[in-house]
Amino acid sequence: MEGRFGINKPIRFEEVERGDLIVMGSHDLLLERVLEYLRGKGIRVEAHWIGSCGGLLSLSLGEADISGIHLLDSRSMEYNVPFVRELFPRGVALLKGYKREIGWAYRDHFSIDELISGKLRLANRNKGSGTRILIDRILDEFEGASVRGYGREYFTHSSACEAVVRGKADVTLTIRPIAESFGLKFSAIGWEEYDFAVREEILEREVFNEFLKELTSKKDLSIAGYDFPGDIGARIL
């Protein structure tokens, strides 16, 4: 799996006491709120934002209980399902999440031509993240692209946007709610599907029921940059 994703093994030290619920995967603002709610109920929650691919690797190693993912398969142009189906023939369920609006966030102005010519600096995302995969797919369309800042990686949407705000970079690819929370301009490129890969053995545990109940309660919310389906939390695989 490491070779397929081009990432290193996530490390979770065995001597550290395991929390009631361990979440490893792609950074998401709404998921952060769900986990904070659970912590407020006294549930010991660990969250490690290591990217979609890192989250799936952690599931395979038994280090994570839940992984939020947004991985687009270039062959089928389907999100998440092909990856979970291929990597986990058994033992892992895929639950429906929600859609997120993704696009370029910047302070003053942005054009793709300025980015690929090196006039603008990119706050890139870490290898193995769904956003990094999308960035690479976009840049691959431009032969000879010379992107400043490509080698500097940020592990969350928030840290990448903060780099833009502080002038360490000029643009990043992120989701609308985080871009707007930092006061950045936003140029949308589309919607992505953010779902949850879950170890089957925790599906009947009370801590997972609490997670699912709080997650599904979001379906009636209206938040810019999010689109909640009526069947949020339903099992896909």
Protein backbone atom coordinates (compact mmCIF):
# COMPACT_ATOMS: atom_id res chain seq x y z
CA MET A 1 0.00 0.00 0.00
CA GLU A 2 2.88 2.37 0.71
CA GLY A 3 4.17 1.97 -2.83
CA ARG A 4 0.78 2.66 -4.32
CA PHE A 5 0.30 5.86 -2.36
CA GLY A 6 3.90 7.06 -2.15
CA ILE A 7 3.73 7.83 1.57
CA ASN A 8 5.49 6.70 4.71
CA LYS A 9 3.93 4.60 7.44
CA PRO A 10 2.10 6.75 10.00
CA ILE A 11 3.58 6.29 13.47
CA ARG A 12 1.54 5.87 16.61
CA PHE A 13 3.65 4.84 19.60
CA GLU A 14 2.37 1.68 21.26
CA GLU A 15 3.11 2.96 24.77
CA VAL A 16 0.63 5.81 24.30
CA GLU A 17 -2.73 4.91 25.83
CA ARG A 18 -5.29 4.34 23.10
CA GLY A 19 -8.22 6.74 22.96
CA ASP A 20 -11.86 5.68 22.76
CA LEU A 21 -11.96 6.72 19.10
CA ILE A 22 -9.00 7.27 16.77
CA VAL A 23 -9.53 9.27 13.59
CA MET A 24 -6.76 9.48 11.00
CA GLY A 25 -7.18 10.92 7.55
CA SER A 26 -8.02 14.05 5.62
CA HIS A 27 -8.45 17.32 7.46
CA ASP A 28 -12.02 18.64 7.51
CA LEU A 29 -13.56 21.56 9.38
CA LEU A 30 -16.92 19.92 9.99
CA LEU A 31 -15.32 16.68 11.18
CA GLU A 32 -13.30 18.73 13.67
CA ARG A 33 -16.58 20.08 15.08
CA VAL A 34 -18.05 16.58 15.36
CA LEU A 35 -14.99 15.36 17.26
CA GLU A 36 -15.03 18.39 19.58
CA TYR A 37 -18.66 17.60 20.41
CA LEU A 38 -17.66 14.03 21.32
CA ARG A 39 -14.82 15.29 23.51
CA GLY A 40 -17.33 17.50 25.28
CA LYS A 41 -19.25 14.35 26.20
CA GLY A 42 -16.14 12.89 27.82
CA ILE A 43 -15.14 10.63 24.92
CA ARG A 44 -11.37 10.39 24.45
CA VAL A 45 -10.87 11.22 20.78
CA GLU A 46 -7.57 11.24 18.91
CA ALA A 47 -7.37 13.06 15.57
CA HIS A 48 -4.36 12.91 13.25
CA TRP A 49 -4.61 14.84 9.97
CA ILE A 50 -2.30 12.76 7.78
CA GLY A 51 -4.21 12.82 4.49
CA SER A 52 -6.65 10.42 2.85
CA CYS A 53 -4.00 7.88 1.84
CA GLY A 54 -2.34 7.99 5.23
CA GLY A 55 -5.72 7.38 6.83
CA LEU A 56 -6.36 4.27 4.74
CA LEU A 57 -2.87 2.99 5.53
CA SER A 58 -3.55 3.54 9.24
CA LEU A 59 -6.78 1.56 8.95
CA SER A 60 -4.90 -1.33 7.34
CA LEU A 61 -2.38 -1.28 10.21
CA GLY A 62 -5.10 -1.23 12.87
CA GLU A 63 -3.98 2.21 14.09
CA ALA A 64 -7.18 4.05 13.17
CA ASP A 65 -10.90 3.44 13.69
CA ILE A 66 -12.20 6.01 11.18
CA SER A 67 -10.63 7.73 8.21
CA GLY A 68 -12.15 10.70 6.37
CA ILE A 69 -11.19 10.43 2.69
CA HIS A 70 -11.68 12.24 -0.62
CA LEU A 71 -9.81 10.29 -3.31
CA LEU A 72 -10.77 10.60 -6.96
CA ASP A 73 -10.04 7.54 -9.10
CA SER A 74 -8.68 8.78 -12.43
CA ARG A 75 -10.01 5.78 -14.37
CA SER A 76 -13.62 5.67 -13.20
CA MET A 77 -13.77 9.33 -12.03
CA GLU A 78 -15.51 8.00 -8.91
CA TYR A 79 -14.63 9.13 -5.42
CA ASN A 80 -13.42 6.79 -2.66
CA VAL A 81 -15.29 3.58 -3.59
CA PRO A 82 -12.60 2.14 -5.94
CA PHE A 83 -9.87 2.66 -3.34
CA VAL A 84 -11.71 1.05 -0.43
CA ARG A 85 -12.96 -1.81 -2.61
CA GLU A 86 -9.45 -2.57 -3.87
CA LEU A 87 -7.57 -2.16 -0.60
CA PHE A 88 -10.08 -3.70 1.82
CA PRO A 89 -11.95 -6.73 0.45
CA ARG A 90 -13.12 -7.26 4.04
CA GLY A 91 -12.98 -5.61 7.44
CA VAL A 92 -13.63 -1.99 6.43
CA ALA A 93 -16.94 -0.27 5.66
CA LEU A 94 -17.40 2.91 3.65
CA LEU A 95 -20.05 5.33 4.91
CA LYS A 96 -21.51 8.22 2.96
CA GLY A 97 -20.34 11.64 4.03
CA TYR A 98 -20.93 14.93 2.24
CA LYS A 99 -19.72 17.08 -0.64
CA ARG A 100 -17.24 19.92 -0.21
CA GLU A 101 -16.63 22.82 -2.58
CA ILE A 102 -12.96 23.03 -3.47
CA GLY A 103 -11.02 25.76 -5.23
CA TRP A 104 -8.11 28.16 -5.21
CA ALA A 105 -7.71 30.48 -2.21
CA TYR A 106 -5.60 33.64 -2.53
CA ARG A 107 -5.09 37.13 -1.11
CA ASP A 108 -5.24 39.45 -4.10
CA HIS A 109 -5.40 37.84 -7.52
CA PHE A 110 -4.92 34.44 -9.13
CA SER A 111 -4.65 32.82 -12.52
CA ILE A 112 -3.46 29.33 -13.34
CA ASP A 113 -1.02 30.83 -15.88
CA GLU A 114 0.67 32.86 -13.14
CA LEU A 115 0.96 29.76 -10.98
CA ILE A 116 2.50 27.45 -13.58
CA SER A 117 4.88 30.16 -14.80
CA GLY A 118 6.29 30.66 -11.31
CA LYS A 119 4.93 34.16 -10.75
CA LEU A 120 2.81 32.96 -7.81
CA ARG A 121 3.95 30.77 -4.92
CA LEU A 122 1.96 27.68 -4.00
CA ALA A 123 1.24 26.46 -0.47
CA ASN A 124 1.27 22.78 -1.41
CA ARG A 125 -0.34 19.94 0.53
CA ASN A 126 1.36 16.82 1.85
CA LYS A 127 1.92 13.69 -0.22
CA GLY A 128 -0.94 11.23 0.20
CA SER A 129 -3.60 13.86 0.81
CA GLY A 130 -6.57 13.96 -1.53
CA THR A 131 -5.92 17.65 -2.15
CA ARG A 132 -2.29 16.96 -3.15
CA ILE A 133 -3.46 14.31 -5.61
CA LEU A 134 -5.86 16.83 -7.14
CA ILE A 135 -3.15 19.52 -7.29
CA ASP A 136 -0.82 17.13 -9.11
CA ARG A 137 -3.59 16.13 -11.51
CA ILE A 138 -4.22 19.79 -12.36
CA LEU A 139 -0.53 20.61 -12.81
CA ASP A 140 0.06 17.52 -14.96
CA GLU A 141 -2.16 19.12 -17.59
CA PHE A 142 0.48 21.81 -18.12
CA GLU A 143 3.69 20.53 -19.67
CA GLY A 144 6.77 22.26 -18.32
CA ALA A 145 5.00 23.84 -15.37
CA SER A 146 7.42 25.50 -12.95
CA VAL A 147 5.60 26.02 -9.67
CA ARG A 148 7.31 27.95 -6.89
CA GLY A 149 6.70 26.49 -3.43
CA TYR A 150 5.79 23.04 -4.73
CA GLY A 151 8.28 21.36 -2.41
CA ARG A 152 6.93 22.96 0.76
CA GLU A 153 4.08 20.90 2.20
CA TYR A 154 1.29 21.73 4.66
CA PHE A 155 -0.67 19.01 6.44
CA THR A 156 -4.01 20.79 6.85
CA HIS A 157 -6.22 23.18 4.92
CA SER A 158 -5.86 25.64 7.79
CA SER A 159 -2.05 25.65 7.81
CA ALA A 160 -1.94 26.11 4.03
CA CYS A 161 -4.38 29.03 4.18
CA GLU A 162 -2.46 30.57 7.06
CA ALA A 163 0.69 30.47 4.91
CA VAL A 164 -1.16 32.48 2.25
CA VAL A 165 -2.45 35.00 4.79
CA ARG A 166 1.04 35.48 6.25
CA GLY A 167 2.59 36.02 2.82
CA LYS A 168 4.62 32.82 2.82
CA ALA A 169 2.68 31.75 -0.28
CA ASP A 170 0.26 33.36 -2.71
CA VAL A 171 -2.28 30.61 -3.35
CA THR A 172 -3.41 27.19 -2.18
CA LEU A 173 -6.07 24.65 -3.08
CA THR A 174 -8.59 24.27 -0.28
CA ILE A 175 -12.27 24.10 0.63
CA ARG A 176 -14.51 27.17 0.68
CA PRO A 177 -15.36 27.35 4.42
CA ILE A 178 -11.71 27.38 5.47
CA ALA A 179 -10.69 29.88 2.79
CA GLU A 180 -13.47 32.22 3.91
CA SER A 181 -12.63 31.76 7.59
CA PHE A 182 -9.16 33.17 6.80
CA GLY A 183 -10.61 36.06 4.81
CA LEU A 184 -9.17 34.82 1.51
CA LYS A 185 -10.70 35.15 -1.92
CA PHE A 186 -11.98 31.88 -3.37
CA SER A 187 -12.23 30.64 -6.95
CA ALA A 188 -14.18 27.36 -7.05
CA ILE A 189 -13.23 24.51 -9.38
CA GLY A 190 -15.84 21.94 -8.30
CA TRP A 191 -17.24 19.66 -5.61
CA GLU A 192 -15.58 16.62 -4.07
CA GLU A 193 -17.03 13.73 -2.05
CA TYR A 194 -15.77 13.33 1.51
CA ASP A 195 -16.68 9.92 2.94
CA PHE A 196 -15.72 7.81 5.95
CA ALA A 197 -13.85 4.50 5.90
CA VAL A 198 -14.55 2.67 9.17
CA ARG A 199 -13.24 -0.52 10.77
CA GLU A 200 -16.19 -2.91 10.79
CA GLU A 201 -15.45 -4.11 14.31
CA ILE A 202 -16.33 -0.71 15.79
CA LEU A 203 -19.68 -0.35 14.00
CA GLU A 204 -21.61 -1.75 16.97
CA ARG A 205 -19.70 0.15 19.64
CA GLU A 206 -21.45 2.93 21.55
CA VAL A 207 -18.68 5.42 20.77
CA PHE A 208 -19.27 4.91 17.05
CA ASN A 209 -23.03 5.30 17.52
CA GLU A 210 -22.36 8.66 19.18
CA PHE A 211 -20.14 9.67 16.26
CA LEU A 212 -22.74 8.62 13.70
CA LYS A 213 -25.57 10.37 15.55
CA GLU A 214 -23.66 13.66 15.64
CA LEU A 215 -22.59 13.29 12.00
CA THR A 216 -26.10 12.62 10.70
CA SER A 217 -27.46 15.56 12.69
CA LYS A 218 -25.60 17.84 10.25
CA LYS A 219 -27.79 16.94 7.27
CA ASP A 220 -30.22 19.79 7.96
CA LEU A 221 -27.51 22.44 8.27
CA SER A 222 -26.82 25.09 5.66
CA ILE A 223 -23.08 25.81 5.55
CA ALA A 224 -21.42 27.54 2.59
CA GLY A 225 -19.12 25.09 0.84
CA TYR A 226 -20.86 21.94 2.13
CA ASP A 227 -23.65 19.90 0.55
CA PHE A 228 -25.30 17.34 2.84
CA PRO A 229 -27.18 14.38 1.31
CA GLY A 230 -30.30 13.00 2.94
CA ASP A 231 -28.62 9.62 3.40
CA ILE A 232 -25.49 10.86 5.17
CA GLY A 233 -24.02 8.03 7.25
CA ALA A 234 -25.49 5.29 5.03
CA ARG A 235 -23.25 2.36 4.20
CA ILE A 236 -21.85 2.39 0.66
CA LEU A 237 -19.59 -0.68 0.96
